[in-house]
N, C-alpha and C. Protein backbone atom coordinates (compact mmCIF):
# COMPACT_ATOMS: atom_id res chain seq x y z
N UNK A 1 100.40 90.25 117.05
CA UNK A 1 100.89 91.57 116.69
C UNK A 1 101.43 91.55 115.27
N UNK A 2 101.18 92.60 114.55
CA UNK A 2 101.64 92.71 113.17
C UNK A 2 102.92 93.55 113.13
N UNK A 3 103.98 93.02 112.55
CA UNK A 3 105.21 93.80 112.45
C UNK A 3 105.08 94.95 111.45
N UNK A 4 105.86 95.97 111.68
CA UNK A 4 105.93 97.11 110.77
C UNK A 4 107.34 97.15 110.20
N UNK A 5 107.44 97.38 108.88
CA UNK A 5 108.73 97.57 108.24
C UNK A 5 108.69 98.90 107.49
N UNK A 6 109.83 99.49 107.31
CA UNK A 6 109.93 100.70 106.51
C UNK A 6 110.14 100.27 105.05
N UNK A 7 109.81 101.12 104.10
CA UNK A 7 110.06 100.78 102.70
C UNK A 7 111.51 100.37 102.44
N UNK A 8 112.44 101.02 103.11
CA UNK A 8 113.86 100.69 102.93
C UNK A 8 114.19 99.27 103.42
N UNK A 9 113.32 98.69 104.24
CA UNK A 9 113.54 97.34 104.76
C UNK A 9 112.83 96.27 103.94
N UNK A 10 112.13 96.67 102.89
CA UNK A 10 111.36 95.70 102.11
C UNK A 10 112.25 94.62 101.49
N UNK A 11 113.39 94.99 100.94
CA UNK A 11 114.27 93.98 100.34
C UNK A 11 114.73 92.95 101.36
N UNK A 12 115.03 93.41 102.56
CA UNK A 12 115.42 92.49 103.63
C UNK A 12 114.26 91.55 103.96
N UNK A 13 113.04 92.09 104.02
CA UNK A 13 111.86 91.27 104.28
C UNK A 13 111.65 90.25 103.17
N UNK A 14 111.84 90.68 101.91
CA UNK A 14 111.70 89.76 100.78
C UNK A 14 112.72 88.63 100.86
N UNK A 15 113.93 88.94 101.29
CA UNK A 15 114.96 87.91 101.44
C UNK A 15 114.58 86.92 102.53
N UNK A 16 114.04 87.43 103.63
CA UNK A 16 113.59 86.55 104.72
C UNK A 16 112.46 85.64 104.23
N UNK A 17 111.55 86.20 103.44
CA UNK A 17 110.46 85.40 102.88
C UNK A 17 111.01 84.29 102.00
N UNK A 18 112.00 84.61 101.18
CA UNK A 18 112.59 83.62 100.27
C UNK A 18 113.29 82.51 101.04
N UNK A 19 113.89 82.84 102.16
CA UNK A 19 114.55 81.82 102.99
C UNK A 19 113.53 80.92 103.67
N UNK A 20 112.43 81.51 104.13
CA UNK A 20 111.41 80.75 104.85
C UNK A 20 110.54 79.91 103.92
N UNK A 21 110.31 80.41 102.71
CA UNK A 21 109.44 79.71 101.76
C UNK A 21 109.99 79.90 100.35
N UNK A 22 111.02 79.12 100.00
CA UNK A 22 111.62 79.25 98.67
C UNK A 22 110.58 79.03 97.57
N UNK A 23 110.63 79.87 96.56
CA UNK A 23 109.73 79.72 95.41
C UNK A 23 108.37 80.37 95.60
N UNK A 24 108.09 80.93 96.77
CA UNK A 24 106.82 81.58 97.04
C UNK A 24 107.00 83.08 96.86
N UNK A 25 106.20 83.68 96.00
CA UNK A 25 106.31 85.11 95.73
C UNK A 25 105.45 85.90 96.72
N UNK A 26 106.07 86.78 97.51
CA UNK A 26 105.29 87.62 98.43
C UNK A 26 104.42 88.61 97.66
N UNK A 27 103.43 89.14 98.36
CA UNK A 27 102.49 90.10 97.79
C UNK A 27 102.64 91.44 98.51
N UNK A 28 102.72 92.52 97.75
CA UNK A 28 102.54 93.85 98.31
C UNK A 28 101.11 94.24 97.96
N UNK A 29 100.31 94.40 99.00
CA UNK A 29 98.89 94.70 98.85
C UNK A 29 98.69 96.20 99.03
N UNK A 30 98.42 96.87 97.93
CA UNK A 30 98.20 98.32 97.93
C UNK A 30 96.73 98.56 98.22
N UNK A 31 96.42 99.16 99.37
CA UNK A 31 95.03 99.31 99.80
C UNK A 31 94.50 100.72 99.57
N UNK A 32 95.21 101.50 98.75
CA UNK A 32 94.78 102.87 98.46
C UNK A 32 93.65 102.87 97.43
N UNK A 33 93.04 104.03 97.27
CA UNK A 33 91.97 104.21 96.30
C UNK A 33 92.55 104.25 94.88
N UNK A 34 91.74 103.91 93.86
CA UNK A 34 92.25 103.88 92.48
C UNK A 34 92.92 105.19 92.04
N UNK A 35 92.37 106.35 92.41
CA UNK A 35 92.98 107.60 92.00
C UNK A 35 94.37 107.76 92.60
N UNK A 36 94.57 107.22 93.81
CA UNK A 36 95.89 107.31 94.45
C UNK A 36 96.91 106.43 93.73
N UNK A 37 96.48 105.26 93.31
CA UNK A 37 97.36 104.34 92.59
C UNK A 37 97.75 104.95 91.24
N UNK A 38 96.80 105.65 90.60
CA UNK A 38 97.11 106.32 89.34
C UNK A 38 98.09 107.47 89.55
N UNK A 39 98.03 108.11 90.71
CA UNK A 39 98.90 109.24 91.02
C UNK A 39 100.33 108.77 91.29
N UNK A 40 100.47 107.69 92.05
CA UNK A 40 101.80 107.19 92.43
C UNK A 40 101.70 105.70 92.70
N UNK A 41 102.61 104.94 92.13
CA UNK A 41 102.59 103.50 92.34
C UNK A 41 104.01 102.96 92.40
N UNK A 42 104.16 101.82 93.03
CA UNK A 42 105.45 101.15 93.10
C UNK A 42 105.58 100.20 91.92
N UNK A 43 106.81 99.87 91.60
CA UNK A 43 107.08 98.88 90.56
C UNK A 43 107.41 97.55 91.22
N UNK A 44 106.71 96.49 90.85
CA UNK A 44 107.01 95.19 91.46
C UNK A 44 108.43 94.74 91.15
N UNK A 45 109.14 94.36 92.18
CA UNK A 45 110.50 93.85 92.02
C UNK A 45 110.73 92.81 93.12
N UNK A 46 110.52 91.54 92.77
CA UNK A 46 110.65 90.47 93.74
C UNK A 46 109.37 90.19 94.49
N UNK A 47 108.29 90.84 94.10
CA UNK A 47 107.00 90.63 94.73
C UNK A 47 105.90 90.84 93.70
N UNK A 48 104.72 90.31 94.02
CA UNK A 48 103.53 90.57 93.21
C UNK A 48 102.82 91.78 93.81
N UNK A 49 102.43 92.72 92.98
CA UNK A 49 101.70 93.90 93.43
C UNK A 49 100.22 93.68 93.17
N UNK A 50 99.41 93.81 94.22
CA UNK A 50 97.95 93.71 94.08
C UNK A 50 97.32 94.97 94.64
N UNK A 51 96.27 95.42 93.97
CA UNK A 51 95.55 96.60 94.42
C UNK A 51 94.15 96.19 94.85
N UNK A 52 93.83 96.48 96.10
CA UNK A 52 92.48 96.28 96.64
C UNK A 52 92.21 97.44 97.58
N UNK A 53 91.33 98.36 97.23
CA UNK A 53 91.02 99.45 98.16
C UNK A 53 90.60 98.90 99.52
N UNK A 54 90.98 99.59 100.55
CA UNK A 54 90.73 99.14 101.92
C UNK A 54 89.29 98.69 102.15
N UNK A 55 88.34 99.46 101.70
CA UNK A 55 86.92 99.14 101.95
C UNK A 55 86.49 97.85 101.28
N UNK A 56 87.22 97.41 100.25
CA UNK A 56 86.83 96.20 99.53
C UNK A 56 87.40 94.92 100.14
N UNK A 57 88.32 95.04 101.06
CA UNK A 57 89.04 93.87 101.59
C UNK A 57 88.09 92.83 102.22
N UNK A 58 87.18 93.20 103.11
CA UNK A 58 86.34 92.15 103.71
C UNK A 58 85.58 91.33 102.67
N UNK A 59 85.03 91.98 101.66
CA UNK A 59 84.25 91.26 100.64
C UNK A 59 85.14 90.45 99.71
N UNK A 60 86.41 90.83 99.60
CA UNK A 60 87.32 90.17 98.66
C UNK A 60 88.36 89.30 99.36
N UNK A 61 88.15 89.03 100.62
CA UNK A 61 89.13 88.30 101.43
C UNK A 61 89.56 86.98 100.81
N UNK A 62 88.62 86.29 100.16
CA UNK A 62 88.95 84.99 99.57
C UNK A 62 89.86 85.10 98.35
N UNK A 63 90.11 86.31 97.86
CA UNK A 63 91.04 86.51 96.74
C UNK A 63 92.50 86.53 97.20
N UNK A 64 92.71 86.63 98.51
CA UNK A 64 94.06 86.69 99.03
C UNK A 64 94.52 85.32 99.52
N UNK A 65 95.67 84.86 99.07
CA UNK A 65 96.16 83.55 99.51
C UNK A 65 96.69 83.61 100.93
N UNK A 66 96.31 82.66 101.74
CA UNK A 66 96.76 82.62 103.13
C UNK A 66 98.16 82.04 103.27
N UNK A 67 98.66 81.42 102.21
CA UNK A 67 99.96 80.76 102.29
C UNK A 67 101.09 81.58 101.69
N UNK A 68 100.85 82.87 101.45
CA UNK A 68 101.89 83.74 100.92
C UNK A 68 102.07 84.96 101.83
N UNK A 69 103.30 85.41 102.00
CA UNK A 69 103.52 86.61 102.80
C UNK A 69 102.89 87.83 102.14
N UNK A 70 102.33 88.72 102.96
CA UNK A 70 101.67 89.92 102.47
C UNK A 70 102.21 91.14 103.22
N UNK A 71 102.62 92.15 102.46
CA UNK A 71 103.01 93.44 103.02
C UNK A 71 101.98 94.46 102.56
N UNK A 72 101.34 95.14 103.50
CA UNK A 72 100.28 96.09 103.18
C UNK A 72 100.86 97.49 103.02
N UNK A 73 100.35 98.20 102.01
CA UNK A 73 100.86 99.52 101.65
C UNK A 73 99.71 100.50 101.44
N UNK A 74 99.87 101.72 101.93
CA UNK A 74 98.91 102.79 101.65
C UNK A 74 99.69 104.10 101.48
N UNK A 75 99.07 105.24 101.76
CA UNK A 75 99.72 106.52 101.56
C UNK A 75 100.77 106.80 102.64
N UNK A 76 100.40 106.71 103.90
CA UNK A 76 101.33 106.98 104.99
C UNK A 76 101.50 105.81 105.97
N UNK A 77 100.69 104.79 105.86
CA UNK A 77 100.83 103.62 106.73
C UNK A 77 99.68 103.38 107.68
N UNK A 78 98.72 104.30 107.76
CA UNK A 78 97.59 104.12 108.67
C UNK A 78 96.58 103.11 108.19
N UNK A 79 96.10 103.28 106.97
CA UNK A 79 95.11 102.33 106.42
C UNK A 79 95.72 100.94 106.28
N UNK A 80 96.97 100.91 105.81
CA UNK A 80 97.61 99.60 105.63
C UNK A 80 97.79 98.89 106.96
N UNK A 81 98.05 99.64 108.03
CA UNK A 81 98.16 99.02 109.36
C UNK A 81 96.82 98.41 109.76
N UNK A 82 95.73 99.13 109.50
CA UNK A 82 94.41 98.59 109.83
C UNK A 82 94.12 97.32 109.04
N UNK A 83 94.46 97.32 107.75
CA UNK A 83 94.25 96.13 106.92
C UNK A 83 95.13 94.99 107.40
N UNK A 84 96.38 95.27 107.73
CA UNK A 84 97.29 94.22 108.21
C UNK A 84 96.74 93.58 109.48
N UNK A 85 96.27 94.41 110.42
CA UNK A 85 95.68 93.87 111.65
C UNK A 85 94.42 93.06 111.35
N UNK A 86 93.59 93.55 110.44
CA UNK A 86 92.39 92.82 110.05
C UNK A 86 92.76 91.45 109.47
N UNK A 87 93.72 91.43 108.54
CA UNK A 87 94.14 90.16 107.94
C UNK A 87 94.68 89.21 109.00
N UNK A 88 95.46 89.74 109.91
CA UNK A 88 96.01 88.90 110.98
C UNK A 88 94.88 88.29 111.81
N UNK A 89 93.88 89.08 112.13
CA UNK A 89 92.73 88.57 112.90
C UNK A 89 91.93 87.54 112.11
N UNK A 90 92.02 87.61 110.79
CA UNK A 90 91.29 86.66 109.94
C UNK A 90 92.11 85.39 109.67
N UNK A 91 93.27 85.27 110.30
CA UNK A 91 94.05 84.04 110.19
C UNK A 91 95.21 84.09 109.22
N UNK A 92 95.53 85.25 108.71
CA UNK A 92 96.71 85.40 107.86
C UNK A 92 97.91 85.54 108.78
N UNK A 93 98.81 84.58 108.71
CA UNK A 93 99.92 84.53 109.67
C UNK A 93 101.12 85.38 109.28
N UNK A 94 101.35 85.55 108.00
CA UNK A 94 102.57 86.23 107.55
C UNK A 94 102.21 87.57 106.90
N UNK A 95 101.92 88.57 107.74
CA UNK A 95 101.49 89.88 107.29
C UNK A 95 102.34 90.95 107.97
N UNK A 96 102.76 91.94 107.20
CA UNK A 96 103.46 93.10 107.75
C UNK A 96 102.83 94.37 107.20
N UNK A 97 103.07 95.46 107.90
CA UNK A 97 102.63 96.77 107.44
C UNK A 97 103.86 97.55 106.97
N UNK A 98 103.73 98.22 105.83
CA UNK A 98 104.82 99.09 105.35
C UNK A 98 104.58 100.48 105.95
N UNK A 99 105.27 100.75 107.05
CA UNK A 99 105.12 102.02 107.77
C UNK A 99 105.67 103.16 106.93
N UNK A 100 104.93 104.25 106.89
CA UNK A 100 105.34 105.40 106.09
C UNK A 100 104.74 105.39 104.70
N UNK A 101 104.26 104.21 104.26
CA UNK A 101 103.55 104.08 103.00
C UNK A 101 104.32 104.53 101.76
N UNK A 102 103.55 104.84 100.73
CA UNK A 102 104.13 105.22 99.44
C UNK A 102 104.89 106.54 99.56
N UNK A 103 104.48 107.38 100.51
CA UNK A 103 105.18 108.64 100.73
C UNK A 103 106.63 108.37 101.14
N UNK A 104 106.82 107.47 102.10
CA UNK A 104 108.16 107.10 102.53
C UNK A 104 108.88 106.30 101.45
N UNK A 105 108.13 105.53 100.65
CA UNK A 105 108.73 104.76 99.56
C UNK A 105 109.47 105.71 98.62
N UNK A 106 108.84 106.84 98.33
CA UNK A 106 109.44 107.84 97.45
C UNK A 106 110.75 108.36 98.03
N UNK A 107 110.81 108.56 99.33
CA UNK A 107 112.00 109.07 99.99
C UNK A 107 113.08 108.01 100.17
N UNK A 108 112.67 106.79 100.51
CA UNK A 108 113.63 105.76 100.92
C UNK A 108 114.04 104.79 99.81
N UNK A 109 113.18 104.59 98.82
CA UNK A 109 113.43 103.54 97.82
C UNK A 109 113.53 104.08 96.41
N UNK A 110 112.53 104.84 95.98
CA UNK A 110 112.45 105.26 94.58
C UNK A 110 111.96 106.70 94.48
N UNK A 111 112.89 107.67 94.33
CA UNK A 111 112.47 109.06 94.25
C UNK A 111 111.67 109.41 93.01
N UNK A 112 111.58 108.49 92.05
CA UNK A 112 110.76 108.77 90.87
C UNK A 112 109.27 108.59 91.16
N UNK A 113 108.93 108.00 92.30
CA UNK A 113 107.53 107.85 92.71
C UNK A 113 107.07 109.21 93.24
N UNK A 114 106.04 109.80 92.64
CA UNK A 114 105.57 111.13 93.07
C UNK A 114 105.02 111.09 94.50
N UNK A 115 105.24 112.18 95.20
CA UNK A 115 104.60 112.35 96.51
C UNK A 115 103.36 113.21 96.31
N UNK A 116 102.32 112.90 97.04
CA UNK A 116 101.08 113.67 96.94
C UNK A 116 100.50 113.91 98.31
């Protein structure tokens, strides 16, 4: 099962990652389309931000490190949940879904991120 966290819980998740694997930088994997990322994006703070549209994930799976925690992000949390489950089935052990997506990020973390 893949855990779900809210954007407001991301810092807590990052702290847990740092305790479990000191020196390892977690990844926030934004699986939205390029136009969506141009419309609204998060600023990396304590994590590496990577953009891979959902449809490209199977072909680009080898670009993702299996030894780093990954939090999946999309617009509202549906696509990212599908990607998180897919990654988990492919053997990625440390994967979470950011429930509510970038829309909730704007409300819970950074109101300067536009909602669309």
